[in-house]
Amino acid sequence: MSTFAPAPGRAPMRTILDRQIRMELLLTARRGEAVVLAMGVPLLVLLGAGLFEVTNLPTDDRLGWVVPGVLALTVMSTAFTGQAITTGYERSYGVLKRLGASPLTRPGLLLAKTAAVLVQIAVQVLVLALVGLAVGWRPEAGALLPAIGVTVLATAGYSGLALLLASILKPETTTGAATLIYVVMLSVGGIMFSAPGLGPAGWFLLPLAAHAEALRETLMHGGAVPLGIWLALGTWAVVWPALAARNFKWE
């Protein structure tokens, strides 16, 4: 007859991360108004600017220009603005403090939040791309892998900066800072209007413009992503998550 032998201990980190990612996705799905806003605004921009001449664009292919820009804007809106505001209030309400008493480590929480955002962005991008295709957008399918690569880098960079702001600023300050950065990026990021020639230095300062330029170069022209954009987005994807992991506070 076998004897029950309890073996207390922490679950494997992979299991902990998997459960935290599921929880992050569940909480996101419960914020219905946030999901609608995250999808509704990009859809309105895509259809309005892509199908009607509401702005002057540097090309006759309106959808070819607008759709990649909207995809880049959606990534920033979800991975940066939404992530920063949500995490800031989670810290204020004591949610993060309780997680700090669990086996979940700081890097583990940041990884789980970034992974959950990547899943959310994948769904959003798929929906927007399908809508674009339905109304006449014809991307270069052969350039899909580079487009995915720069999107993953942009997501990691935005998420890292969002989590850094949310951990060192008060929630109200985080909301204001995230919104201000979002508006500045939207204004000069070349989403609705042609952005000025930025070059490598500008891409480091304006990742939204770099991401949009990369998506247009690949999906619109079937070309290669400029090395400067890879370096800029790669730097964002390394520096900001590293700083967030080092300075993140549970409370």
Protein backbone atom coordinates (compact mmCIF):
# COMPACT_ATOMS: atom_id res chain seq x y z
CA MET A 1 0.00 0.00 0.00
CA SER A 2 1.48 3.33 -1.09
CA THR A 3 2.01 6.11 1.43
CA PHE A 4 1.20 9.72 0.71
CA ALA A 5 4.39 11.75 0.84
CA PRO A 6 3.84 15.49 0.48
CA ALA A 7 6.57 17.35 -1.37
CA PRO A 8 6.07 21.05 -0.74
CA GLY A 9 7.94 23.43 -3.00
CA ARG A 10 7.62 26.09 -5.61
CA ALA A 11 6.12 25.15 -8.94
CA PRO A 12 8.46 25.21 -11.95
CA MET A 13 9.01 28.71 -13.30
CA ARG A 14 7.52 27.68 -16.64
CA THR A 15 4.26 26.76 -14.90
CA ILE A 16 4.25 30.01 -12.93
CA LEU A 17 4.77 32.08 -16.08
CA ASP A 18 2.13 30.15 -18.00
CA ARG A 19 -0.47 30.78 -15.30
CA GLN A 20 0.44 34.45 -15.01
CA ILE A 21 0.18 34.93 -18.79
CA ARG A 22 -3.27 33.31 -18.72
CA MET A 23 -4.31 35.58 -15.87
CA GLU A 24 -3.08 38.68 -17.73
CA LEU A 25 -5.07 37.68 -20.81
CA LEU A 26 -8.17 36.95 -18.72
CA LEU A 27 -8.00 40.34 -17.03
CA THR A 28 -7.56 42.03 -20.40
CA ALA A 29 -10.58 40.23 -21.83
CA ARG A 30 -12.69 41.37 -18.86
CA ARG A 31 -11.89 45.01 -19.60
CA GLY A 32 -14.35 45.09 -22.47
CA GLU A 33 -14.28 48.85 -22.94
CA ALA A 34 -10.50 48.79 -23.27
CA VAL A 35 -10.66 46.03 -25.88
CA VAL A 36 -13.28 47.92 -27.88
CA LEU A 37 -11.23 51.10 -27.72
CA ALA A 38 -8.05 49.27 -28.71
CA MET A 39 -9.78 47.88 -31.81
CA GLY A 40 -12.32 50.60 -32.57
CA VAL A 41 -9.94 53.53 -32.97
CA PRO A 42 -7.52 51.72 -35.31
CA LEU A 43 -10.43 50.45 -37.40
CA LEU A 44 -11.85 53.95 -37.75
CA VAL A 45 -8.45 55.31 -38.78
CA LEU A 46 -7.89 52.46 -41.22
CA LEU A 47 -11.25 52.82 -42.93
CA GLY A 48 -11.44 56.60 -42.77
CA ALA A 49 -7.93 57.42 -43.99
CA GLY A 50 -7.59 54.34 -46.17
CA LEU A 51 -10.80 54.69 -48.16
CA PHE A 52 -11.40 58.43 -48.15
CA GLU A 53 -9.13 61.33 -49.01
CA VAL A 54 -9.23 62.92 -45.57
CA THR A 55 -5.47 63.59 -45.64
CA ASN A 56 -2.86 64.07 -48.33
CA LEU A 57 -0.54 61.09 -48.62
CA PRO A 58 2.73 60.78 -50.58
CA THR A 59 1.30 57.92 -52.66
CA ASP A 60 -1.81 56.97 -54.62
CA ASP A 61 -1.96 53.62 -52.80
CA ARG A 62 -3.83 54.88 -49.75
CA LEU A 63 -4.42 51.49 -48.15
CA GLY A 64 -0.83 50.46 -48.81
CA TRP A 65 0.31 53.49 -46.82
CA VAL A 66 -2.38 53.61 -44.12
CA VAL A 67 -2.67 49.96 -43.09
CA PRO A 68 0.99 49.50 -42.06
CA GLY A 69 0.82 52.78 -40.16
CA VAL A 70 -2.33 51.69 -38.34
CA LEU A 71 -0.72 48.37 -37.45
CA ALA A 72 2.27 50.19 -35.98
CA LEU A 73 -0.04 52.56 -34.07
CA THR A 74 -2.00 49.63 -32.66
CA VAL A 75 1.18 48.00 -31.39
CA MET A 76 2.20 51.16 -29.57
CA SER A 77 -1.27 51.83 -28.19
CA THR A 78 -1.53 48.34 -26.69
CA ALA A 79 2.05 47.58 -25.68
CA PHE A 80 2.91 51.04 -24.35
CA THR A 81 -0.06 53.26 -23.48
CA GLY A 82 -2.44 50.55 -22.32
CA GLN A 83 0.27 48.58 -20.56
CA ALA A 84 1.63 51.61 -18.69
CA ILE A 85 -1.77 52.84 -17.47
CA THR A 86 -3.02 49.39 -16.44
CA THR A 87 0.16 48.42 -14.61
CA GLY A 88 0.34 51.79 -12.87
CA TYR A 89 -3.10 51.34 -11.36
CA GLU A 90 -2.38 47.70 -10.48
CA ARG A 91 0.56 48.98 -8.44
CA SER A 92 -1.60 51.67 -6.84
CA TYR A 93 -4.36 49.20 -5.89
CA GLY A 94 -1.88 46.78 -4.29
CA VAL A 95 -2.22 44.05 -6.93
CA LEU A 96 1.50 44.01 -7.64
CA LYS A 97 2.30 44.00 -3.92
CA ARG A 98 0.34 40.76 -3.54
CA LEU A 99 2.07 39.26 -6.55
CA GLY A 100 5.38 40.17 -4.94
CA ALA A 101 4.56 37.74 -2.12
CA SER A 102 4.10 34.93 -4.63
CA PRO A 103 6.83 32.81 -6.25
CA LEU A 104 6.62 35.08 -9.30
CA THR A 105 9.84 37.04 -9.74
CA ARG A 106 10.13 40.59 -11.06
CA PRO A 107 11.60 39.48 -14.41
CA GLY A 108 8.93 36.78 -14.52
CA LEU A 109 6.12 39.32 -14.13
CA LEU A 110 7.60 41.56 -16.80
CA LEU A 111 8.02 38.61 -19.14
CA ALA A 112 4.44 37.45 -18.50
CA LYS A 113 3.01 40.91 -19.15
CA THR A 114 5.02 41.31 -22.35
CA ALA A 115 4.03 37.84 -23.57
CA ALA A 116 0.35 38.54 -22.86
CA VAL A 117 0.60 41.82 -24.76
CA LEU A 118 2.19 39.99 -27.70
CA VAL A 119 -0.77 37.59 -27.82
CA GLN A 120 -3.23 40.49 -27.68
CA ILE A 121 -1.36 42.34 -30.43
CA ALA A 122 -1.28 39.23 -32.61
CA VAL A 123 -5.09 39.07 -32.44
CA GLN A 124 -5.48 42.80 -33.10
CA VAL A 125 -3.09 42.78 -36.05
CA LEU A 126 -4.82 39.75 -37.55
CA VAL A 127 -8.25 41.41 -37.32
CA LEU A 128 -6.98 44.70 -38.78
CA ALA A 129 -5.13 42.90 -41.57
CA LEU A 130 -8.25 40.91 -42.48
CA VAL A 131 -10.32 44.10 -42.58
CA GLY A 132 -7.65 45.72 -44.74
CA LEU A 133 -7.65 42.79 -47.13
CA ALA A 134 -11.46 42.89 -47.29
CA VAL A 135 -11.45 46.53 -48.42
CA GLY A 136 -8.69 46.16 -50.97
CA TRP A 137 -5.31 46.16 -49.24
CA ARG A 138 -2.80 44.00 -51.12
CA PRO A 139 0.43 43.56 -49.15
CA GLU A 140 3.60 41.85 -50.33
CA ALA A 141 3.23 38.44 -48.70
CA GLY A 142 6.90 37.55 -49.20
CA ALA A 143 7.95 40.22 -46.70
CA LEU A 144 5.85 38.85 -43.84
CA LEU A 145 8.69 37.51 -41.68
CA PRO A 146 10.65 40.81 -41.45
CA ALA A 147 7.38 42.58 -40.65
CA ILE A 148 6.73 40.15 -37.80
CA GLY A 149 10.31 40.55 -36.57
CA VAL A 150 10.20 44.35 -36.27
CA THR A 151 6.76 44.12 -34.64
CA VAL A 152 8.06 41.78 -31.93
CA LEU A 153 10.99 44.11 -31.26
CA ALA A 154 8.72 47.16 -31.12
CA THR A 155 6.36 45.37 -28.73
CA ALA A 156 9.18 44.39 -26.38
CA GLY A 157 10.57 47.93 -26.36
CA TYR A 158 7.21 49.60 -25.77
CA SER A 159 6.29 47.14 -23.03
CA GLY A 160 9.61 47.65 -21.28
CA LEU A 161 9.24 51.43 -21.26
CA ALA A 162 5.61 51.14 -20.11
CA LEU A 163 6.53 48.89 -17.19
CA LEU A 164 9.43 51.15 -16.23
CA LEU A 165 7.18 54.22 -16.10
CA ALA A 166 4.46 52.34 -14.22
CA SER A 167 6.91 51.19 -11.54
CA ILE A 168 8.58 54.53 -10.79
CA LEU A 169 5.74 57.04 -11.25
CA LYS A 170 2.39 57.54 -9.55
CA PRO A 171 -0.59 56.19 -11.53
CA GLU A 172 -1.88 59.65 -12.42
CA THR A 173 1.60 60.72 -13.53
CA THR A 174 2.03 57.50 -15.49
CA THR A 175 -1.26 58.12 -17.30
CA GLY A 176 -0.26 61.66 -18.18
CA ALA A 177 3.25 60.70 -19.29
CA ALA A 178 2.05 57.74 -21.37
CA THR A 179 -0.65 59.84 -23.03
CA LEU A 180 1.78 62.67 -23.78
CA ILE A 181 4.32 60.32 -25.34
CA TYR A 182 1.53 58.67 -27.35
CA VAL A 183 0.30 62.02 -28.70
CA VAL A 184 3.82 63.15 -29.61
CA MET A 185 4.56 59.87 -31.39
CA LEU A 186 1.22 60.02 -33.20
CA SER A 187 1.85 63.59 -34.31
CA VAL A 188 5.30 63.07 -35.79
CA GLY A 189 5.35 59.32 -36.36
CA GLY A 190 4.13 59.37 -39.95
CA ILE A 191 0.90 57.48 -39.33
CA MET A 192 -1.58 59.86 -40.95
CA PHE A 193 0.93 62.17 -42.60
CA SER A 194 4.26 61.75 -44.27
CA ALA A 195 7.00 61.88 -41.65
CA PRO A 196 10.14 63.91 -42.31
CA GLY A 197 13.26 62.04 -43.29
CA LEU A 198 14.44 60.84 -39.90
CA GLY A 199 17.46 58.65 -40.54
CA PRO A 200 19.03 56.39 -37.89
CA ALA A 201 19.09 59.03 -35.13
CA GLY A 202 15.41 59.84 -35.60
CA TRP A 203 14.45 56.16 -35.56
CA PHE A 204 16.02 55.78 -32.12
CA LEU A 205 13.95 58.69 -30.82
CA LEU A 206 10.71 57.83 -32.67
CA PRO A 207 10.22 54.06 -32.69
CA LEU A 208 6.67 54.47 -33.98
CA ALA A 209 8.01 56.14 -37.13
CA ALA A 210 10.70 53.46 -37.45
CA HIS A 211 8.15 50.66 -37.08
CA ALA A 212 5.72 52.23 -39.55
CA GLU A 213 8.53 52.81 -42.06
CA ALA A 214 9.67 49.20 -41.72
CA LEU A 215 6.15 47.84 -42.26
CA ARG A 216 5.64 50.03 -45.31
CA GLU A 217 8.98 49.06 -46.77
CA THR A 218 8.19 45.37 -46.40
CA LEU A 219 4.42 45.10 -46.87
CA MET A 220 4.00 47.91 -49.40
CA HIS A 221 7.19 47.64 -51.45
CA GLY A 222 8.42 44.13 -50.68
CA GLY A 223 11.80 45.58 -49.72
CA ALA A 224 14.21 44.92 -46.88
CA VAL A 225 14.02 46.64 -43.50
CA PRO A 226 16.82 49.24 -43.24
CA LEU A 227 19.61 48.22 -40.90
CA GLY A 228 19.14 51.43 -38.90
CA ILE A 229 15.58 50.44 -38.05
CA TRP A 230 16.65 46.97 -36.91
CA LEU A 231 19.28 48.58 -34.67
CA ALA A 232 16.87 51.20 -33.30
CA LEU A 233 14.06 48.78 -32.47
CA GLY A 234 16.53 46.17 -31.25
CA THR A 235 18.04 48.71 -28.86
CA TRP A 236 14.59 49.60 -27.54
CA ALA A 237 13.79 45.90 -27.11
CA VAL A 238 16.91 45.39 -24.96
CA VAL A 239 17.42 48.63 -23.05
CA TRP A 240 13.92 49.39 -21.76
CA PRO A 241 13.04 45.86 -20.56
CA ALA A 242 16.46 45.66 -18.85
CA LEU A 243 15.88 48.98 -17.07
CA ALA A 244 12.36 47.92 -16.12
CA ALA A 245 13.61 44.64 -14.64
CA ARG A 246 16.27 46.49 -12.66
CA ASN A 247 14.06 49.29 -11.33
CA PHE A 248 10.65 47.61 -11.08
CA LYS A 249 8.86 48.10 -7.76
CA TRP A 250 6.06 45.97 -6.42
CA GLU A 251 4.57 48.89 -4.49
